[in-house]
Amino acid sequence: MDPSLSAYVVLTAILVVTPGASTAVVVRNVLSGGRSAGLAAACGIAVANTTWAAAAGLGVTALLARAPVVFAAIRLGGAAYLAVLGLRALSRAWRGSGDSMTTRATATAGQDRRAAFREGVATNLLNPPIATFYIAVVPSFLATPAPGRFALLASIHVGLALLCHTAWALGFDALGTVWTRPAARRGVDAAVGVALLALAVRMLR
């Protein structure tokens, strides 16, 4: 592996393992719908990342960089969406539930997976840092315009992000016994809700 590619892999790995909006959405869906919902959210995020990569490859992100109004609209939309998800998590924490996570996940598994997938897609399509990654970071590792090299860099980002989010989903699902008590579930729902609202506020800055 050449030094430039190695540096890119390290940088990308650091970025994807740093918890952010996508991580919070994966965790939120594991708590509300179980492992399958968390994995569906991870897949939705991967689809959104792939969409941004394709847009960058076609030059769309470069056009967005020259259109501050469009970029601002994406930022506002993303902040609003995260705020809605955060309020839903806080509402669930406030109401509580006597059912176990397993019971809830089994009862509405198909619906949970579809909703989780949509949340994953929407979260990262409305996530300006992903656009910035393809506008500023990826080009800095391209000495000359090279479609093959760009495809490799994009694949590394999408693959590492999917691996990381899958690990979050499986990890929280493995700790499912911790959430058997309603108080514990409500506490985590509240923490995730606050985190999503904080991310929404940060996105507006």
Protein backbone atom coordinates (compact mmCIF):
# COMPACT_ATOMS: atom_id res chain seq x y z
CA MET A 1 0.00 0.00 0.00
CA ASP A 2 1.44 3.40 -0.96
CA PRO A 3 1.96 6.01 1.80
CA SER A 4 -0.79 8.29 0.48
CA LEU A 5 -3.35 5.49 0.50
CA SER A 6 -2.24 4.38 3.97
CA ALA A 7 -2.68 7.92 5.28
CA TYR A 8 -6.14 8.08 3.71
CA VAL A 9 -7.20 4.80 5.31
CA VAL A 10 -6.01 5.97 8.75
CA LEU A 11 -7.72 9.35 8.42
CA THR A 12 -10.95 7.83 7.15
CA ALA A 13 -10.95 5.22 9.93
CA ILE A 14 -10.57 7.96 12.54
CA LEU A 15 -13.45 9.91 11.01
CA VAL A 16 -15.85 6.97 10.79
CA VAL A 17 -15.18 5.67 14.33
CA THR A 18 -15.80 9.11 15.83
CA PRO A 19 -19.41 9.04 17.07
CA GLY A 20 -21.72 11.40 15.23
CA ALA A 21 -25.22 11.68 13.83
CA SER A 22 -25.08 8.36 11.97
CA THR A 23 -23.85 6.53 15.07
CA ALA A 24 -26.65 7.99 17.16
CA VAL A 25 -29.23 6.91 14.57
CA VAL A 26 -27.87 3.34 14.52
CA VAL A 27 -27.95 3.13 18.33
CA ARG A 28 -31.42 4.68 18.44
CA ASN A 29 -32.76 2.02 16.08
CA VAL A 30 -31.09 -0.85 17.94
CA LEU A 31 -32.79 0.33 21.13
CA SER A 32 -36.18 0.72 19.51
CA GLY A 33 -36.20 -2.16 17.02
CA GLY A 34 -33.39 -4.55 17.89
CA ARG A 35 -30.40 -5.75 15.87
CA SER A 36 -32.22 -5.95 12.52
CA ALA A 37 -33.31 -2.31 12.78
CA GLY A 38 -29.79 -1.22 13.69
CA LEU A 39 -28.31 -3.11 10.74
CA ALA A 40 -30.98 -1.65 8.43
CA ALA A 41 -30.00 1.85 9.58
CA ALA A 42 -26.34 1.00 8.90
CA CYS A 43 -27.26 -0.13 5.37
CA GLY A 44 -29.26 3.06 4.81
CA ILE A 45 -26.24 5.12 5.86
CA ALA A 46 -24.08 3.15 3.42
CA VAL A 47 -26.53 3.90 0.60
CA ALA A 48 -26.40 7.61 1.47
CA ASN A 49 -22.59 7.56 1.55
CA THR A 50 -22.54 5.82 -1.82
CA THR A 51 -24.90 8.47 -3.18
CA TRP A 52 -22.59 11.26 -2.01
CA ALA A 53 -19.62 9.42 -3.55
CA ALA A 54 -21.43 9.08 -6.87
CA ALA A 55 -22.41 12.75 -6.74
CA ALA A 56 -18.79 13.71 -6.14
CA GLY A 57 -17.65 11.51 -9.00
CA LEU A 58 -20.10 13.27 -11.31
CA GLY A 59 -19.03 16.72 -10.11
CA VAL A 60 -22.27 17.51 -8.27
CA THR A 61 -20.57 18.19 -4.93
CA ALA A 62 -18.23 20.68 -6.63
CA LEU A 63 -21.30 22.57 -7.83
CA LEU A 64 -22.75 22.49 -4.31
CA ALA A 65 -19.55 24.03 -2.97
CA ARG A 66 -20.19 27.00 -5.28
CA ALA A 67 -23.82 27.30 -4.19
CA PRO A 68 -23.84 28.40 -0.51
CA VAL A 69 -27.64 28.62 -0.49
CA VAL A 70 -28.03 24.96 -1.44
CA PHE A 71 -25.41 23.90 1.09
CA ALA A 72 -27.15 25.96 3.78
CA ALA A 73 -30.46 24.31 2.90
CA ILE A 74 -28.90 20.87 3.33
CA ARG A 75 -27.49 21.95 6.70
CA LEU A 76 -30.85 23.30 7.88
CA GLY A 77 -32.68 20.21 6.67
CA GLY A 78 -30.21 17.94 8.41
CA ALA A 79 -30.45 19.86 11.66
CA ALA A 80 -34.25 19.77 11.57
CA TYR A 81 -34.28 16.04 10.86
CA LEU A 82 -31.88 15.26 13.72
CA ALA A 83 -33.97 17.44 16.03
CA VAL A 84 -37.10 15.46 15.14
CA LEU A 85 -35.34 12.15 15.82
CA GLY A 86 -33.99 13.52 19.09
CA LEU A 87 -37.43 14.67 20.24
CA ARG A 88 -38.88 11.26 19.36
CA ALA A 89 -36.22 9.55 21.47
CA LEU A 90 -36.91 11.91 24.38
CA SER A 91 -40.63 11.31 24.02
CA ARG A 92 -40.08 7.55 24.17
CA ALA A 93 -37.90 8.02 27.25
CA TRP A 94 -40.59 10.15 28.89
CA ARG A 95 -43.43 7.71 28.14
CA GLY A 96 -41.45 4.56 28.88
CA SER A 97 -42.70 1.08 28.05
CA GLY A 98 -43.30 -2.09 29.96
CA ASP A 99 -42.40 -4.28 27.00
CA SER A 100 -38.95 -5.72 26.50
CA MET A 101 -36.87 -4.64 23.51
CA THR A 102 -37.12 -8.14 22.08
CA THR A 103 -40.92 -8.10 22.24
CA ARG A 104 -41.12 -4.74 20.51
CA ALA A 105 -38.65 -5.75 17.82
CA THR A 106 -40.49 -8.99 17.09
CA ALA A 107 -43.89 -7.37 16.94
CA THR A 108 -42.98 -4.79 14.29
CA ALA A 109 -39.75 -6.15 12.77
CA GLY A 110 -40.54 -5.40 9.14
CA GLN A 111 -41.81 -1.90 9.88
CA ASP A 112 -38.81 -1.18 12.10
CA ARG A 113 -36.34 -2.25 9.42
CA ARG A 114 -37.94 -0.11 6.73
CA ALA A 115 -38.15 2.94 8.98
CA ALA A 116 -34.58 2.42 10.17
CA PHE A 117 -33.29 2.14 6.62
CA ARG A 118 -35.06 5.38 5.66
CA GLU A 119 -33.65 7.13 8.71
CA GLY A 120 -30.14 5.99 7.82
CA VAL A 121 -30.48 7.26 4.25
CA ALA A 122 -32.01 10.60 5.25
CA THR A 123 -29.52 11.24 8.05
CA ASN A 124 -26.44 11.03 5.85
CA LEU A 125 -27.99 12.57 2.74
CA LEU A 126 -28.67 15.62 4.95
CA ASN A 127 -25.26 15.46 6.63
CA PRO A 128 -23.01 18.32 5.37
CA PRO A 129 -19.79 16.79 6.78
CA ILE A 130 -20.16 13.90 4.31
CA ALA A 131 -20.39 16.36 1.43
CA THR A 132 -17.38 18.23 2.81
CA PHE A 133 -15.46 14.96 3.01
CA TYR A 134 -15.92 14.42 -0.72
CA ILE A 135 -15.35 18.08 -1.59
CA ALA A 136 -12.19 18.64 0.46
CA VAL A 137 -10.70 15.42 1.83
CA VAL A 138 -10.93 12.93 -1.02
CA PRO A 139 -9.56 15.29 -3.71
CA SER A 140 -6.49 15.98 -1.55
CA PHE A 141 -5.52 12.31 -2.01
CA LEU A 142 -5.87 12.48 -5.78
CA ALA A 143 -2.69 13.70 -7.46
CA THR A 144 -4.50 13.85 -10.79
CA PRO A 145 -8.11 13.18 -11.81
CA ALA A 146 -8.30 9.39 -11.88
CA PRO A 147 -11.70 7.64 -11.85
CA GLY A 148 -10.21 4.35 -10.69
CA ARG A 149 -8.38 5.94 -7.77
CA PHE A 150 -11.46 7.94 -6.79
CA ALA A 151 -13.61 4.81 -6.85
CA LEU A 152 -11.07 3.07 -4.58
CA LEU A 153 -11.06 5.94 -2.07
CA ALA A 154 -14.85 6.14 -2.08
CA SER A 155 -15.16 2.37 -1.61
CA ILE A 156 -12.79 2.51 1.37
CA HIS A 157 -14.89 5.22 3.01
CA VAL A 158 -18.21 3.48 2.39
CA GLY A 159 -16.83 0.11 3.48
CA LEU A 160 -15.18 1.36 6.68
CA ALA A 161 -18.28 3.33 7.65
CA LEU A 162 -20.53 0.31 7.08
CA LEU A 163 -18.18 -1.88 9.12
CA CYS A 164 -18.15 0.64 11.96
CA HIS A 165 -21.91 1.10 12.04
CA THR A 166 -22.47 -2.65 11.85
CA ALA A 167 -20.17 -3.04 14.85
CA TRP A 168 -22.19 -0.44 16.77
CA ALA A 169 -25.42 -2.27 15.95
CA LEU A 170 -24.08 -5.70 16.93
CA GLY A 171 -22.38 -4.35 20.04
CA PHE A 172 -25.48 -2.66 21.43
CA ASP A 173 -27.60 -5.66 20.51
CA ALA A 174 -25.17 -7.92 22.42
CA LEU A 175 -25.79 -5.71 25.46
CA GLY A 176 -29.53 -6.22 25.05
CA THR A 177 -29.88 -7.74 28.50
CA VAL A 178 -28.84 -4.40 29.96
CA TRP A 179 -31.93 -2.79 28.48
CA THR A 180 -34.42 -5.31 29.89
CA ARG A 181 -35.26 -2.91 32.69
CA PRO A 182 -37.54 -0.06 31.60
CA ALA A 183 -35.50 2.47 33.61
CA ALA A 184 -32.31 1.53 31.75
CA ARG A 185 -34.02 1.79 28.34
CA ARG A 186 -35.50 5.15 29.22
CA GLY A 187 -32.11 6.41 30.37
CA VAL A 188 -30.40 5.42 27.13
CA ASP A 189 -33.27 6.80 25.04
CA ALA A 190 -32.90 10.09 26.89
CA ALA A 191 -29.13 10.13 26.33
CA VAL A 192 -29.54 9.42 22.61
CA GLY A 193 -32.23 12.09 22.32
CA VAL A 194 -30.03 14.70 23.97
CA ALA A 195 -27.10 13.69 21.75
CA LEU A 196 -29.21 14.06 18.59
CA LEU A 197 -30.47 17.49 19.66
CA ALA A 198 -26.89 18.57 20.45
CA LEU A 199 -25.76 17.40 17.01
CA ALA A 200 -28.64 19.33 15.43
CA VAL A 201 -27.55 22.51 17.20
CA ARG A 202 -23.91 21.95 16.21
CA MET A 203 -24.93 21.47 12.59
CA LEU A 204 -26.44 24.96 12.57
CA ARG A 205 -23.18 26.59 13.65
